[in-house]
Protein backbone atom coordinates (compact mmCIF):
# COMPACT_ATOMS: atom_id res chain seq x y z
CA MET A 1 -69.10 -26.30 6.78
CA GLU A 2 -65.65 -24.81 5.76
CA GLN A 3 -64.17 -21.81 7.87
CA LEU A 4 -63.46 -18.60 5.73
CA ASP A 5 -59.84 -17.61 6.16
CA PHE A 6 -59.22 -14.22 5.87
CA PHE A 7 -55.77 -14.13 6.99
CA GLU A 8 -52.52 -16.11 6.28
CA VAL A 9 -51.29 -18.36 9.33
CA PRO A 10 -47.66 -16.71 9.77
CA SER A 11 -44.65 -19.14 10.03
CA PRO A 12 -43.61 -20.10 13.90
CA CYS A 13 -39.99 -19.67 12.48
CA LYS A 14 -37.93 -17.80 15.10
CA GLY A 15 -34.65 -17.77 13.00
CA ILE A 16 -32.71 -20.20 15.08
CA CYS A 17 -33.01 -23.12 12.63
CA GLN A 18 -30.99 -25.70 14.38
CA VAL A 19 -32.28 -29.06 14.80
CA ASN A 20 -32.28 -31.18 18.10
CA ASN A 21 -31.63 -34.77 18.75
CA LYS A 22 -35.16 -35.78 17.92
CA GLY A 23 -35.22 -33.82 14.60
CA TYR A 24 -37.18 -30.84 15.50
CA CYS A 25 -36.14 -27.14 15.02
CA LYS A 26 -34.73 -25.62 18.34
CA GLY A 27 -36.35 -22.50 17.50
CA CYS A 28 -39.99 -23.38 16.36
CA PHE A 29 -40.11 -27.05 17.08
CA ARG A 30 -41.43 -27.96 13.34
CA SER A 31 -39.97 -31.07 11.70
CA ARG A 32 -38.17 -31.17 8.40
CA ASP A 33 -41.15 -31.52 6.63
CA GLU A 34 -43.43 -29.13 8.24
CA ARG A 35 -40.51 -26.83 7.83
CA PHE A 36 -40.35 -27.90 3.89
CA TYR A 37 -43.71 -27.83 2.95
CA TRP A 38 -44.98 -25.09 5.11
CA TYR A 39 -45.84 -22.79 2.00
CA ASP A 40 -47.93 -25.73 0.54
CA PHE A 41 -50.11 -26.20 3.78
CA THR A 42 -53.48 -24.87 4.04
CA ASN A 43 -54.25 -22.56 6.61
CA GLU A 44 -55.95 -25.46 8.78
CA GLN A 45 -52.83 -27.47 8.21
CA LYS A 46 -50.60 -24.75 9.47
CA ARG A 47 -52.74 -24.29 12.51
CA ASN A 48 -52.44 -27.82 13.64
CA VAL A 49 -48.61 -27.74 12.80
CA VAL A 50 -48.57 -24.40 15.27
CA ARG A 51 -50.54 -26.88 17.51
CA LEU A 52 -47.98 -29.65 17.53
CA CYS A 53 -45.14 -27.08 17.93
CA HIS A 54 -46.58 -25.78 21.05
CA GLN A 55 -47.34 -29.35 22.56
CA ARG A 56 -43.65 -30.05 21.64
CA TYR A 57 -42.31 -26.96 23.54
CA LEU A 58 -44.37 -27.72 26.49
CA ARG A 59 -42.99 -31.47 26.55
CA ILE A 60 -39.54 -30.47 26.20
CA LEU A 61 -39.78 -27.73 29.04
CA ARG A 62 -41.73 -30.51 31.12
CA ALA A 63 -38.68 -32.56 30.61
CA LYS A 64 -36.11 -29.71 31.55
CA ARG A 65 -38.03 -29.04 34.92
CA LYS A 66 -37.91 -32.64 35.82
CA GLN A 67 -34.10 -32.66 35.06
CA ALA A 68 -33.43 -29.71 37.41
CA GLN A 69 -35.90 -31.25 40.07
CA ASP A 70 -33.82 -34.57 39.94
CA ALA A 71 -30.71 -32.88 40.01
CA ALA A 72 -31.81 -30.72 43.02
CA LEU A 73 -32.91 -33.95 44.96
CA GLY A 74 -29.59 -35.36 44.22
CA ALA A 75 -27.98 -32.18 45.90
CA GLU A 76 -27.10 -31.65 49.14
CA PRO A 77 -30.00 -30.33 51.49
CA LEU A 78 -30.09 -26.71 52.65
CA PRO A 79 -29.32 -26.61 56.27
CA TYR A 80 -32.53 -25.64 58.31
CA GLN A 81 -33.19 -22.16 59.09
CA PRO A 82 -36.24 -21.22 61.70
CA SER A 83 -38.56 -18.95 60.37
CA LEU A 84 -38.69 -15.55 61.92
CA PHE A 85 -42.28 -16.40 63.25
CA ASP A 86 -41.37 -19.37 65.00
CA GLU A 87 -41.45 -19.47 68.77
CA PRO A 88 -37.79 -19.41 70.11
CA SER A 89 -36.88 -23.17 71.44
CA ASP A 90 -35.55 -23.47 74.96
CA ASP A 91 -32.49 -25.55 73.56
CA LEU A 92 -31.45 -22.37 71.42
CA SER A 93 -31.26 -19.89 74.40
CA SER A 94 -28.26 -19.65 76.05
């Protein structure tokens, strides 16, 4: 059974319109063909493109977080600072 569509699926365009190194728009994460044929797609196809764009966004976000985490692991560790709730140790009292 076909779903009735009462509203058009709006374009996910953010107005950034620059392409990343994988060929996806940096603003909306659509491919060239997805941007070019947007108005020819059915609403079902448009919803699928929006779903794919969201997956691409999450993939890029995870990659950026992993890069930041890897960079933090390579950095110098922070010095130890005891908690205010720790019992004072005997070697620190003078």
